[in-house]
Amino acid sequence: MSTSSFEIRVCQSCGLRYPLTEGHPFGIRCPHCLGETRVVLKKAISEKEEVREVKRKKGEVRTVLLDNIRSAWNVGSILRSADGFGFSHAYLCGITPTPEVDAVRKTALGAEDYVTWSHHKDAVKLVKGLKSEGWHVGTLEEDQRAIPISQFTNPQPANPFVLILGSEVTGVDPELLDLADHIIYIPMRGQKRSFNVANAFSIAAYWIAESEVS
């Protein structure tokens, strides 16, 4: 078990309250006004090295496919959520950045060490191969064939499952939609037509994970 620590500091000039982890380049000067700060709390952080048991059915495989996601920040956020919801692998396709990019690692916060990943140039070719091996394919997209996320239940949770998310601008490739066994969407209550892709994945991943373990 490895242990590090952090402090909560308060600036004596502007009143900013912020955490300072061990070895952080901020130092003891306020990051806002460079004023003097004082420590108001110290705490140790322990990171368990043993792998926690994941709540899932025996043999269950859930994965995510990101096709032409432009933002490294979104990719990193999705990897972190994928780990939290028990997705074991990420297929990174087209121009989607991989954890070799600093911004992906920075946002993933180490999740790339637990969610394995692979890069593929052509998502359509990849999905055709997965389907030939018996995989179930879901896509998250607005489409005339789509059903609300609340109505989705994976009919064969014992089969490997992949959830596809597409470009933030153009959406999921039409050929991938045609290959999908399930097209699902998240109903919107406001004026915007869709959520940020990382937020949308978290919503869908939570529903899928909970419906399969219930």
C-alpha atoms as a PDB file:
ATOM      1  CA  MET A   1       0.000   0.000   0.000  1.00  0.00           C
ATOM      2  CA  SER A   2       1.396   3.361  -1.041  1.00  0.00           C
ATOM      3  CA  THR A   3       0.615   6.503   0.914  1.00  0.00           C
ATOM      4  CA  SER A   4       0.911  10.191   0.052  1.00  0.00           C
ATOM      5  CA  SER A   5      -0.571  13.283   1.637  1.00  0.00           C
ATOM      6  CA  PHE A   6      -2.155  16.619   0.900  1.00  0.00           C
ATOM      7  CA  GLU A   7      -2.826  19.881   2.706  1.00  0.00           C
ATOM      8  CA  ILE A   8      -5.747  22.286   2.615  1.00  0.00           C
ATOM      9  CA  ARG A   9      -4.369  25.823   2.528  1.00  0.00           C
ATOM     10  CA  VAL A  10      -6.084  29.197   2.852  1.00  0.00           C
ATOM     11  CA  CYS A  11      -4.619  32.388   1.425  1.00  0.00           C
ATOM     12  CA  GLN A  12      -4.201  35.110   4.029  1.00  0.00           C
ATOM     13  CA  SER A  13      -4.599  37.798   1.365  1.00  0.00           C
ATOM     14  CA  CYS A  14      -7.532  36.814  -0.886  1.00  0.00           C
ATOM     15  CA  GLY A  15      -9.067  33.964   1.133  1.00  0.00           C
ATOM     16  CA  LEU A  16      -8.731  31.281  -1.562  1.00  0.00           C
ATOM     17  CA  ARG A  17      -9.037  27.766  -0.119  1.00  0.00           C
ATOM     18  CA  TYR A  18      -7.335  25.028  -2.147  1.00  0.00           C
ATOM     19  CA  PRO A  19      -5.740  21.579  -1.814  1.00  0.00           C
ATOM     20  CA  LEU A  20      -1.991  21.151  -2.196  1.00  0.00           C
ATOM     21  CA  THR A  21      -0.760  17.633  -2.888  1.00  0.00           C
ATOM     22  CA  GLU A  22       2.691  16.468  -1.951  1.00  0.00           C
ATOM     23  CA  GLY A  23       5.227  17.740  -4.495  1.00  0.00           C
ATOM     24  CA  HIS A  24       2.743  19.952  -6.402  1.00  0.00           C
ATOM     25  CA  PRO A  25       4.418  22.861  -8.283  1.00  0.00           C
ATOM     26  CA  PHE A  26       2.025  25.420  -6.756  1.00  0.00           C
ATOM     27  CA  GLY A  27       4.166  25.491  -3.622  1.00  0.00           C
ATOM     28  CA  ILE A  28       2.870  27.361  -0.596  1.00  0.00           C
ATOM     29  CA  ARG A  29       2.098  30.592  -2.468  1.00  0.00           C
ATOM     30  CA  CYS A  30      -1.527  31.213  -3.405  1.00  0.00           C
ATOM     31  CA  PRO A  31      -2.110  30.157  -7.057  1.00  0.00           C
ATOM     32  CA  HIS A  32      -4.539  33.078  -7.452  1.00  0.00           C
ATOM     33  CA  CYS A  33      -2.725  36.089  -5.980  1.00  0.00           C
ATOM     34  CA  LEU A  34       0.655  34.627  -4.878  1.00  0.00           C
ATOM     35  CA  GLY A  35      -0.078  35.678  -1.321  1.00  0.00           C
ATOM     36  CA  GLU A  36       1.047  33.880   1.837  1.00  0.00           C
ATOM     37  CA  THR A  37      -1.023  30.841   2.805  1.00  0.00           C
ATOM     38  CA  ARG A  38      -1.552  28.816   5.957  1.00  0.00           C
ATOM     39  CA  VAL A  39      -2.343  25.131   6.470  1.00  0.00           C
ATOM     40  CA  VAL A  40      -5.812  24.443   7.877  1.00  0.00           C
ATOM     41  CA  LEU A  41      -5.903  20.678   7.353  1.00  0.00           C
ATOM     42  CA  LYS A  42      -3.542  17.796   6.585  1.00  0.00           C
ATOM     43  CA  LYS A  43      -4.625  14.380   5.396  1.00  0.00           C
ATOM     44  CA  ALA A  44      -2.987  11.172   4.164  1.00  0.00           C
ATOM     45  CA  ILE A  45      -4.064   9.473   0.935  1.00  0.00           C
ATOM     46  CA  SER A  46      -3.785   5.682   0.826  1.00  0.00           C
ATOM     47  CA  GLU A  47      -3.973   3.816  -2.449  1.00  0.00           C
ATOM     48  CA  LYS A  48      -4.711   0.105  -2.188  1.00  0.00           C
ATOM     49  CA  GLU A  49      -2.669  -1.973  -4.571  1.00  0.00           C
ATOM     50  CA  GLU A  50      -4.914  -5.016  -4.498  1.00  0.00           C
ATOM     51  CA  VAL A  51      -7.535  -5.240  -7.242  1.00  0.00           C
ATOM     52  CA  ARG A  52     -11.075  -4.796  -5.951  1.00  0.00           C
ATOM     53  CA  GLU A  53     -13.745  -7.299  -6.858  1.00  0.00           C
ATOM     54  CA  VAL A  54     -15.943  -5.911  -9.631  1.00  0.00           C
ATOM     55  CA  LYS A  55     -19.686  -6.389  -9.235  1.00  0.00           C
ATOM     56  CA  ARG A  56     -20.583  -8.261 -12.396  1.00  0.00           C
ATOM     57  CA  LYS A  57     -21.964 -11.578 -13.513  1.00  0.00           C
ATOM     58  CA  LYS A  58     -19.616 -14.440 -14.280  1.00  0.00           C
ATOM     59  CA  GLY A  59     -18.184 -14.166 -17.780  1.00  0.00           C
ATOM     60  CA  GLU A  60     -19.723 -10.753 -18.411  1.00  0.00           C
ATOM     61  CA  VAL A  61     -17.817  -8.527 -20.824  1.00  0.00           C
ATOM     62  CA  ARG A  62     -18.688  -4.865 -21.392  1.00  0.00           C
ATOM     63  CA  THR A  63     -16.588  -2.649 -23.653  1.00  0.00           C
ATOM     64  CA  VAL A  64     -16.815   0.785 -25.260  1.00  0.00           C
ATOM     65  CA  LEU A  65     -15.904   1.840 -28.794  1.00  0.00           C
ATOM     66  CA  LEU A  66     -15.002   5.492 -29.417  1.00  0.00           C
ATOM     67  CA  ASP A  67     -15.089   6.302 -33.113  1.00  0.00           C
ATOM     68  CA  ASN A  68     -13.489   9.587 -34.189  1.00  0.00           C
ATOM     69  CA  ILE A  69     -13.869  11.310 -30.828  1.00  0.00           C
ATOM     70  CA  ARG A  70     -11.750  14.438 -31.252  1.00  0.00           C
ATOM     71  CA  SER A  71     -11.268  15.627 -27.674  1.00  0.00           C
ATOM     72  CA  ALA A  72      -8.514  14.012 -25.634  1.00  0.00           C
ATOM     73  CA  TRP A  73     -10.261  15.319 -22.523  1.00  0.00           C
ATOM     74  CA  ASN A  74     -13.457  13.481 -23.425  1.00  0.00           C
ATOM     75  CA  VAL A  75     -11.529  10.280 -24.104  1.00  0.00           C
ATOM     76  CA  GLY A  76      -9.780  10.443 -20.740  1.00  0.00           C
ATOM     77  CA  SER A  77     -13.048  11.138 -18.950  1.00  0.00           C
ATOM     78  CA  ILE A  78     -14.722   8.200 -20.692  1.00  0.00           C
ATOM     79  CA  LEU A  79     -11.880   5.873 -19.709  1.00  0.00           C
ATOM     80  CA  ARG A  80     -12.275   6.893 -16.086  1.00  0.00           C
ATOM     81  CA  SER A  81     -16.041   6.327 -16.191  1.00  0.00           C
ATOM     82  CA  ALA A  82     -15.530   3.033 -18.049  1.00  0.00           C
ATOM     83  CA  ASP A  83     -13.431   1.738 -15.167  1.00  0.00           C
ATOM     84  CA  GLY A  84     -16.005   2.888 -12.632  1.00  0.00           C
ATOM     85  CA  PHE A  85     -18.872   1.104 -14.390  1.00  0.00           C
ATOM     86  CA  GLY A  86     -17.017  -2.149 -15.046  1.00  0.00           C
ATOM     87  CA  PHE A  87     -16.175  -1.734 -18.737  1.00  0.00           C
ATOM     88  CA  SER A  88     -13.033  -3.756 -19.321  1.00  0.00           C
ATOM     89  CA  HIS A  89     -11.767  -2.519 -22.701  1.00  0.00           C
ATOM     90  CA  ALA A  90     -11.892   0.554 -24.943  1.00  0.00           C
ATOM     91  CA  TYR A  91     -11.659   0.329 -28.724  1.00  0.00           C
ATOM     92  CA  LEU A  92     -10.241   3.662 -29.900  1.00  0.00           C
ATOM     93  CA  CYS A  93     -10.962   4.117 -33.583  1.00  0.00           C
ATOM     94  CA  GLY A  94     -10.200   6.569 -36.378  1.00  0.00           C
ATOM     95  CA  ILE A  95      -8.777   9.856 -35.070  1.00  0.00           C
ATOM     96  CA  THR A  96      -9.639   9.112 -31.428  1.00  0.00           C
ATOM     97  CA  PRO A  97      -6.543   9.935 -29.317  1.00  0.00           C
ATOM     98  CA  THR A  98      -5.081   7.139 -27.207  1.00  0.00           C
ATOM     99  CA  PRO A  99      -3.563   7.189 -23.692  1.00  0.00           C
ATOM    100  CA  GLU A 100      -0.230   7.868 -25.381  1.00  0.00           C
ATOM    101  CA  VAL A 101      -1.459  11.499 -25.470  1.00  0.00           C
ATOM    102  CA  ASP A 102      -0.741  13.451 -22.277  1.00  0.00           C
ATOM    103  CA  ALA A 103      -4.192  15.072 -22.127  1.00  0.00           C
ATOM    104  CA  VAL A 104      -5.893  11.659 -22.189  1.00  0.00           C
ATOM    105  CA  ARG A 105      -3.784  10.389 -19.286  1.00  0.00           C
ATOM    106  CA  LYS A 106      -4.274  13.599 -17.326  1.00  0.00           C
ATOM    107  CA  THR A 107      -8.061  13.287 -17.485  1.00  0.00           C
ATOM    108  CA  ALA A 108      -8.168   9.501 -17.062  1.00  0.00           C
ATOM    109  CA  LEU A 109      -6.244   9.804 -13.765  1.00  0.00           C
ATOM    110  CA  GLY A 110      -4.774   6.313 -14.053  1.00  0.00           C
ATOM    111  CA  ALA A 111      -7.896   4.562 -15.372  1.00  0.00           C
ATOM    112  CA  GLU A 112      -5.930   3.647 -18.495  1.00  0.00           C
ATOM    113  CA  ASP A 113      -4.020   1.200 -16.268  1.00  0.00           C
ATOM    114  CA  TYR A 114      -7.229  -0.747 -15.558  1.00  0.00           C
ATOM    115  CA  VAL A 115      -9.211  -0.380 -18.791  1.00  0.00           C
ATOM    116  CA  THR A 116      -7.232  -2.038 -21.555  1.00  0.00           C
ATOM    117  CA  TRP A 117      -7.344  -0.314 -24.931  1.00  0.00           C
ATOM    118  CA  SER A 118      -6.505  -0.864 -28.567  1.00  0.00           C
ATOM    119  CA  HIS A 119      -6.422   1.425 -31.596  1.00  0.00           C
ATOM    120  CA  HIS A 120      -8.165   0.591 -34.888  1.00  0.00           C
ATOM    121  CA  LYS A 121      -8.221   2.589 -38.110  1.00  0.00           C
ATOM    122  CA  ASP A 122     -11.638   1.382 -39.292  1.00  0.00           C
ATOM    123  CA  ALA A 123     -14.454   0.971 -36.761  1.00  0.00           C
ATOM    124  CA  VAL A 124     -16.827  -0.584 -39.312  1.00  0.00           C
ATOM    125  CA  LYS A 125     -14.365  -3.351 -40.102  1.00  0.00           C
ATOM    126  CA  LEU A 126     -13.785  -3.924 -36.366  1.00  0.00           C
ATOM    127  CA  VAL A 127     -17.479  -4.163 -35.521  1.00  0.00           C
ATOM    128  CA  LYS A 128     -18.161  -6.578 -38.388  1.00  0.00           C
ATOM    129  CA  GLY A 129     -15.487  -8.818 -36.908  1.00  0.00           C
ATOM    130  CA  LEU A 130     -16.942  -8.581 -33.392  1.00  0.00           C
ATOM    131  CA  LYS A 131     -20.430  -9.434 -34.633  1.00  0.00           C
ATOM    132  CA  SER A 132     -19.086 -12.479 -36.460  1.00  0.00           C
ATOM    133  CA  GLU A 133     -17.783 -13.640 -33.075  1.00  0.00           C
ATOM    134  CA  GLY A 134     -21.190 -13.290 -31.417  1.00  0.00           C
ATOM    135  CA  TRP A 135     -20.860  -9.861 -29.846  1.00  0.00           C
ATOM    136  CA  HIS A 136     -23.904  -7.700 -29.167  1.00  0.00           C
ATOM    137  CA  VAL A 137     -23.531  -4.128 -30.415  1.00  0.00           C
ATOM    138  CA  GLY A 138     -25.197  -1.032 -28.987  1.00  0.00           C
ATOM    139  CA  THR A 139     -24.876   2.563 -30.158  1.00  0.00           C
ATOM    140  CA  LEU A 140     -25.711   5.775 -28.374  1.00  0.00           C
ATOM    141  CA  GLU A 141     -27.254   8.099 -30.942  1.00  0.00           C
ATOM    142  CA  GLU A 142     -30.390   9.972 -31.975  1.00  0.00           C
ATOM    143  CA  ASP A 143     -32.027   7.991 -34.767  1.00  0.00           C
ATOM    144  CA  GLN A 144     -35.524   7.044 -35.925  1.00  0.00           C
ATOM    145  CA  ARG A 145     -34.766   3.476 -34.860  1.00  0.00           C
ATOM    146  CA  ALA A 146     -33.520   4.478 -31.400  1.00  0.00           C
ATOM    147  CA  ILE A 147     -35.281   3.676 -28.133  1.00  0.00           C
ATOM    148  CA  PRO A 148     -34.983   5.645 -24.856  1.00  0.00           C
ATOM    149  CA  ILE A 149     -32.195   4.429 -22.589  1.00  0.00           C
ATOM    150  CA  SER A 150     -34.797   3.592 -19.912  1.00  0.00           C
ATOM    151  CA  GLN A 151     -36.310   0.950 -22.213  1.00  0.00           C
ATOM    152  CA  PHE A 152     -33.048  -0.776 -23.009  1.00  0.00           C
ATOM    153  CA  THR A 153     -32.240  -4.187 -21.567  1.00  0.00           C
ATOM    154  CA  ASN A 154     -29.464  -6.320 -22.976  1.00  0.00           C
ATOM    155  CA  PRO A 155     -31.262  -9.537 -23.974  1.00  0.00           C
ATOM    156  CA  GLN A 156     -28.121 -11.658 -23.654  1.00  0.00           C
ATOM    157  CA  PRO A 157     -25.875 -10.147 -20.958  1.00  0.00           C
ATOM    158  CA  ALA A 158     -23.666 -13.239 -20.979  1.00  0.00           C
ATOM    159  CA  ASN A 159     -22.545 -12.355 -24.521  1.00  0.00           C
ATOM    160  CA  PRO A 160     -19.773  -9.780 -24.966  1.00  0.00           C
ATOM    161  CA  PHE A 161     -21.240  -6.290 -25.435  1.00  0.00           C
ATOM    162  CA  VAL A 162     -19.782  -3.156 -27.015  1.00  0.00           C
ATOM    163  CA  LEU A 163     -21.279   0.333 -26.735  1.00  0.00           C
ATOM    164  CA  ILE A 164     -20.391   2.696 -29.602  1.00  0.00           C
ATOM    165  CA  LEU A 165     -20.050   6.464 -29.302  1.00  0.00           C
ATOM    166  CA  GLY A 166     -19.314   8.634 -32.322  1.00  0.00           C
ATOM    167  CA  SER A 167     -17.925  12.019 -33.280  1.00  0.00           C
ATOM    168  CA  GLU A 168     -18.965  14.997 -31.153  1.00  0.00           C
ATOM    169  CA  VAL A 169     -19.948  16.813 -34.379  1.00  0.00           C
ATOM    170  CA  THR A 170     -21.175  14.216 -36.888  1.00  0.00           C
ATOM    171  CA  GLY A 171     -22.347  11.484 -34.535  1.00  0.00           C
ATOM    172  CA  VAL A 172     -22.087   7.741 -35.029  1.00  0.00           C
ATOM    173  CA  ASP A 173     -21.078   6.561 -38.517  1.00  0.00           C
ATOM    174  CA  PRO A 174     -24.282   5.519 -40.407  1.00  0.00           C
ATOM    175  CA  GLU A 175     -22.735   2.149 -41.285  1.00  0.00           C
ATOM    176  CA  LEU A 176     -22.149   1.475 -37.593  1.00  0.00           C
ATOM    177  CA  LEU A 177     -25.791   2.307 -36.880  1.00  0.00           C
ATOM    178  CA  ASP A 178     -26.826  -0.250 -39.501  1.00  0.00           C
ATOM    179  CA  LEU A 179     -24.640  -2.879 -37.825  1.00  0.00           C
ATOM    180  CA  ALA A 180     -26.012  -2.202 -34.333  1.00  0.00           C
ATOM    181  CA  ASP A 181     -28.327  -4.598 -32.536  1.00  0.00           C
ATOM    182  CA  HIS A 182     -29.560  -1.748 -30.353  1.00  0.00           C
ATOM    183  CA  ILE A 183     -29.679   2.009 -30.917  1.00  0.00           C
ATOM    184  CA  ILE A 184     -30.416   3.970 -27.759  1.00  0.00           C
ATOM    185  CA  TYR A 185     -30.758   7.631 -26.912  1.00  0.00           C
ATOM    186  CA  ILE A 186     -30.943   9.768 -23.782  1.00  0.00           C
ATOM    187  CA  PRO A 187     -34.060  11.973 -23.712  1.00  0.00           C
ATOM    188  CA  MET A 188     -33.281  15.682 -23.327  1.00  0.00           C
ATOM    189  CA  ARG A 189     -35.353  17.992 -21.122  1.00  0.00           C
ATOM    190  CA  GLY A 190     -33.798  21.310 -22.165  1.00  0.00           C
ATOM    191  CA  GLN A 191     -33.115  23.099 -25.425  1.00  0.00           C
ATOM    192  CA  LYS A 192     -29.877  21.328 -26.446  1.00  0.00           C
ATOM    193  CA  ARG A 193     -30.213  18.150 -28.507  1.00  0.00           C
ATOM    194  CA  SER A 194     -27.515  16.118 -26.777  1.00  0.00           C
ATOM    195  CA  PHE A 195     -25.174  15.836 -23.809  1.00  0.00           C
ATOM    196  CA  ASN A 196     -21.417  16.111 -23.928  1.00  0.00           C
ATOM    197  CA  VAL A 197     -20.187  12.719 -25.174  1.00  0.00           C
ATOM    198  CA  ALA A 198     -18.365  11.911 -21.926  1.00  0.00           C
ATOM    199  CA  ASN A 199     -21.441  12.756 -19.849  1.00  0.00           C
ATOM    200  CA  ALA A 200     -23.662  10.767 -22.206  1.00  0.00           C
ATOM    201  CA  PHE A 201     -21.417   7.728 -21.837  1.00  0.00           C
ATOM    202  CA  SER A 202     -21.582   7.929 -18.039  1.00  0.00           C
ATOM    203  CA  ILE A 203     -25.384   8.028 -18.096  1.00  0.00           C
ATOM    204  CA  ALA A 204     -25.618   5.088 -20.491  1.00  0.00           C
ATOM    205  CA  ALA A 205     -22.883   3.085 -18.776  1.00  0.00           C
ATOM    206  CA  TYR A 206     -24.591   3.429 -15.403  1.00  0.00           C
ATOM    207  CA  TRP A 207     -27.900   2.196 -16.807  1.00  0.00           C
ATOM    208  CA  ILE A 208     -26.311  -0.715 -18.653  1.00  0.00           C
ATOM    209  CA  ALA A 209     -24.197  -1.787 -15.674  1.00  0.00           C
ATOM    210  CA  GLU A 210     -27.086  -1.591 -13.210  1.00  0.00           C
ATOM    211  CA  SER A 211     -29.554  -3.384 -15.485  1.00  0.00           C
ATOM    212  CA  GLU A 212     -27.134  -6.270 -15.985  1.00  0.00           C
ATOM    213  CA  VAL A 213     -26.331  -6.866 -12.313  1.00  0.00           C
ATOM    214  CA  SER A 214     -29.903  -6.462 -11.063  1.00  0.00           C
END
